Amino acid sequence: MVKELKPHIDKRYSVYTNRENTFITGSSMGGLISPYAFCEYPKIFGWAACLSTHWLGSFTTENNPFPNSMIRYLSKKLPNPKSHKIYFDCGD
């Protein structure tokens, strides 16, 4: 997305190319990929919407390393909220 799709769109269409106007959005598994892209490419994406996010391993907490590892990852990688915006929701 960052190396091929976005550069192609930026060249071909009349769009704003700066971070402040670049969003990533996904639902379900895409709702998990969106915060990943947002965290890994904060110079590219200024906004993320994570809809009905599919949190792997979140239904059981007993002997489950996922919740703590995700908290550690997000604590280190989430961009500054003064320059980046994120929206999460969760359905059941």
C-alpha atoms as a PDB file:
ATOM      1  CA  MET A   1       0.000   0.000   0.000  1.00  0.00           C
ATOM      2  CA  VAL A   2       2.696   2.476   0.993  1.00  0.00           C
ATOM      3  CA  LYS A   3       5.199   1.576  -1.704  1.00  0.00           C
ATOM      4  CA  GLU A   4       2.891   0.932  -4.686  1.00  0.00           C
ATOM      5  CA  LEU A   5      -0.779   1.841  -4.224  1.00  0.00           C
ATOM      6  CA  LYS A   6      -0.511   5.242  -2.536  1.00  0.00           C
ATOM      7  CA  PRO A   7       2.237   6.515  -4.898  1.00  0.00           C
ATOM      8  CA  HIS A   8       0.132   5.368  -7.874  1.00  0.00           C
ATOM      9  CA  ILE A   9      -2.969   7.176  -6.588  1.00  0.00           C
ATOM     10  CA  ASP A  10      -0.952  10.289  -5.731  1.00  0.00           C
ATOM     11  CA  LYS A  11       0.435  10.463  -9.295  1.00  0.00           C
ATOM     12  CA  ARG A  12      -2.749   9.590 -11.164  1.00  0.00           C
ATOM     13  CA  TYR A  13      -5.443  11.519  -9.278  1.00  0.00           C
ATOM     14  CA  SER A  14      -5.852  15.044  -7.990  1.00  0.00           C
ATOM     15  CA  VAL A  15      -5.519  14.292  -4.264  1.00  0.00           C
ATOM     16  CA  TYR A  16      -3.817  15.807  -1.279  1.00  0.00           C
ATOM     17  CA  THR A  17      -0.715  13.719  -0.653  1.00  0.00           C
ATOM     18  CA  ASN A  18       0.306  14.974   2.791  1.00  0.00           C
ATOM     19  CA  ARG A  19      -0.064  13.005   6.028  1.00  0.00           C
ATOM     20  CA  GLU A  20      -2.797  15.285   7.374  1.00  0.00           C
ATOM     21  CA  ASN A  21      -5.037  14.274   4.469  1.00  0.00           C
ATOM     22  CA  THR A  22      -4.117  10.601   4.239  1.00  0.00           C
ATOM     23  CA  PHE A  23      -6.428   8.136   5.990  1.00  0.00           C
ATOM     24  CA  ILE A  24      -6.423   4.377   6.360  1.00  0.00           C
ATOM     25  CA  THR A  25      -9.630   2.539   7.187  1.00  0.00           C
ATOM     26  CA  GLY A  26     -10.625  -1.079   7.505  1.00  0.00           C
ATOM     27  CA  SER A  27     -13.174  -3.329   9.141  1.00  0.00           C
ATOM     28  CA  SER A  28     -12.842  -6.728  10.777  1.00  0.00           C
ATOM     29  CA  MET A  29      -9.312  -7.966   9.937  1.00  0.00           C
ATOM     30  CA  GLY A  30      -8.830  -4.692   8.031  1.00  0.00           C
ATOM     31  CA  GLY A  31      -9.648  -3.009  11.334  1.00  0.00           C
ATOM     32  CA  LEU A  32      -6.554  -4.703  12.741  1.00  0.00           C
ATOM     33  CA  ILE A  33      -4.376  -3.939   9.724  1.00  0.00           C
ATOM     34  CA  SER A  34      -5.328  -0.242   9.830  1.00  0.00           C
ATOM     35  CA  PRO A  35      -3.770   0.500  13.244  1.00  0.00           C
ATOM     36  CA  TYR A  36      -0.720  -1.531  12.208  1.00  0.00           C
ATOM     37  CA  ALA A  37      -0.208   0.610   9.089  1.00  0.00           C
ATOM     38  CA  PHE A  38      -0.946   3.751  11.131  1.00  0.00           C
ATOM     39  CA  CYS A  39       1.710   2.783  13.703  1.00  0.00           C
ATOM     40  CA  GLU A  40       4.328   1.575  11.229  1.00  0.00           C
ATOM     41  CA  TYR A  41       3.946   4.468   8.768  1.00  0.00           C
ATOM     42  CA  PRO A  42       3.135   7.582  10.835  1.00  0.00           C
ATOM     43  CA  LYS A  43       4.772   9.823   8.220  1.00  0.00           C
ATOM     44  CA  ILE A  44       2.287   8.541   5.622  1.00  0.00           C
ATOM     45  CA  PHE A  45      -0.995   8.153   7.544  1.00  0.00           C
ATOM     46  CA  GLY A  46      -2.364  10.951   9.714  1.00  0.00           C
ATOM     47  CA  TRP A  47      -5.685   9.264  10.442  1.00  0.00           C
ATOM     48  CA  ALA A  48      -6.938   5.720  10.981  1.00  0.00           C
ATOM     49  CA  ALA A  49     -10.429   4.301  11.398  1.00  0.00           C
ATOM     50  CA  CYS A  50     -10.555   0.776  12.769  1.00  0.00           C
ATOM     51  CA  LEU A  51     -14.086  -0.548  12.426  1.00  0.00           C
ATOM     52  CA  SER A  52     -15.383  -3.698  14.050  1.00  0.00           C
ATOM     53  CA  THR A  53     -11.770  -4.624  14.738  1.00  0.00           C
ATOM     54  CA  HIS A  54     -10.972  -8.340  14.813  1.00  0.00           C
ATOM     55  CA  TRP A  55      -8.750  -8.639  17.885  1.00  0.00           C
ATOM     56  CA  LEU A  56      -7.125 -12.044  17.532  1.00  0.00           C
ATOM     57  CA  GLY A  57      -7.105 -14.004  20.748  1.00  0.00           C
ATOM     58  CA  SER A  58      -9.171 -11.449  22.622  1.00  0.00           C
ATOM     59  CA  PHE A  59     -11.965 -13.809  23.636  1.00  0.00           C
ATOM     60  CA  THR A  60      -9.955 -15.617  26.276  1.00  0.00           C
ATOM     61  CA  THR A  61      -7.431 -14.073  28.626  1.00  0.00           C
ATOM     62  CA  GLU A  62      -6.210 -17.234  30.377  1.00  0.00           C
ATOM     63  CA  ASN A  63      -2.668 -18.055  29.170  1.00  0.00           C
ATOM     64  CA  ASN A  64      -3.124 -15.605  26.311  1.00  0.00           C
ATOM     65  CA  PRO A  65      -0.072 -13.478  25.460  1.00  0.00           C
ATOM     66  CA  PHE A  66      -1.885 -11.403  22.836  1.00  0.00           C
ATOM     67  CA  PRO A  67      -3.525  -8.696  25.010  1.00  0.00           C
ATOM     68  CA  ASN A  68      -0.293  -7.795  26.827  1.00  0.00           C
ATOM     69  CA  SER A  69       1.827  -7.907  23.683  1.00  0.00           C
ATOM     70  CA  MET A  70      -0.672  -5.666  21.868  1.00  0.00           C
ATOM     71  CA  ILE A  71      -0.692  -3.175  24.742  1.00  0.00           C
ATOM     72  CA  ARG A  72       3.132  -3.090  24.707  1.00  0.00           C
ATOM     73  CA  TYR A  73       3.217  -2.613  20.923  1.00  0.00           C
ATOM     74  CA  LEU A  74       0.627   0.183  20.925  1.00  0.00           C
ATOM     75  CA  SER A  75       2.284   1.892  23.902  1.00  0.00           C
ATOM     76  CA  LYS A  76       5.522   2.110  21.933  1.00  0.00           C
ATOM     77  CA  LYS A  77       4.191   2.716  18.429  1.00  0.00           C
ATOM     78  CA  LEU A  78       1.010   4.804  18.517  1.00  0.00           C
ATOM     79  CA  PRO A  79       1.756   8.207  16.981  1.00  0.00           C
ATOM     80  CA  ASN A  80       1.362  11.427  18.945  1.00  0.00           C
ATOM     81  CA  PRO A  81      -2.342  12.314  19.348  1.00  0.00           C
ATOM     82  CA  LYS A  82      -1.504  15.978  18.717  1.00  0.00           C
ATOM     83  CA  SER A  83      -0.575  15.160  15.122  1.00  0.00           C
ATOM     84  CA  HIS A  84      -2.495  11.927  14.455  1.00  0.00           C
ATOM     85  CA  LYS A  85      -6.100  10.824  14.982  1.00  0.00           C
ATOM     86  CA  ILE A  86      -7.493   7.317  15.398  1.00  0.00           C
ATOM     87  CA  TYR A  87     -11.018   5.946  15.718  1.00  0.00           C
ATOM     88  CA  PHE A  88     -11.832   2.481  17.085  1.00  0.00           C
ATOM     89  CA  ASP A  89     -15.107   0.698  17.431  1.00  0.00           C
ATOM     90  CA  CYS A  90     -16.078  -2.844  18.262  1.00  0.00           C
ATOM     91  CA  GLY A  91     -19.191  -4.837  17.545  1.00  0.00           C
ATOM     92  CA  ASP A  92     -20.357  -8.125  18.952  1.00  0.00           C
END
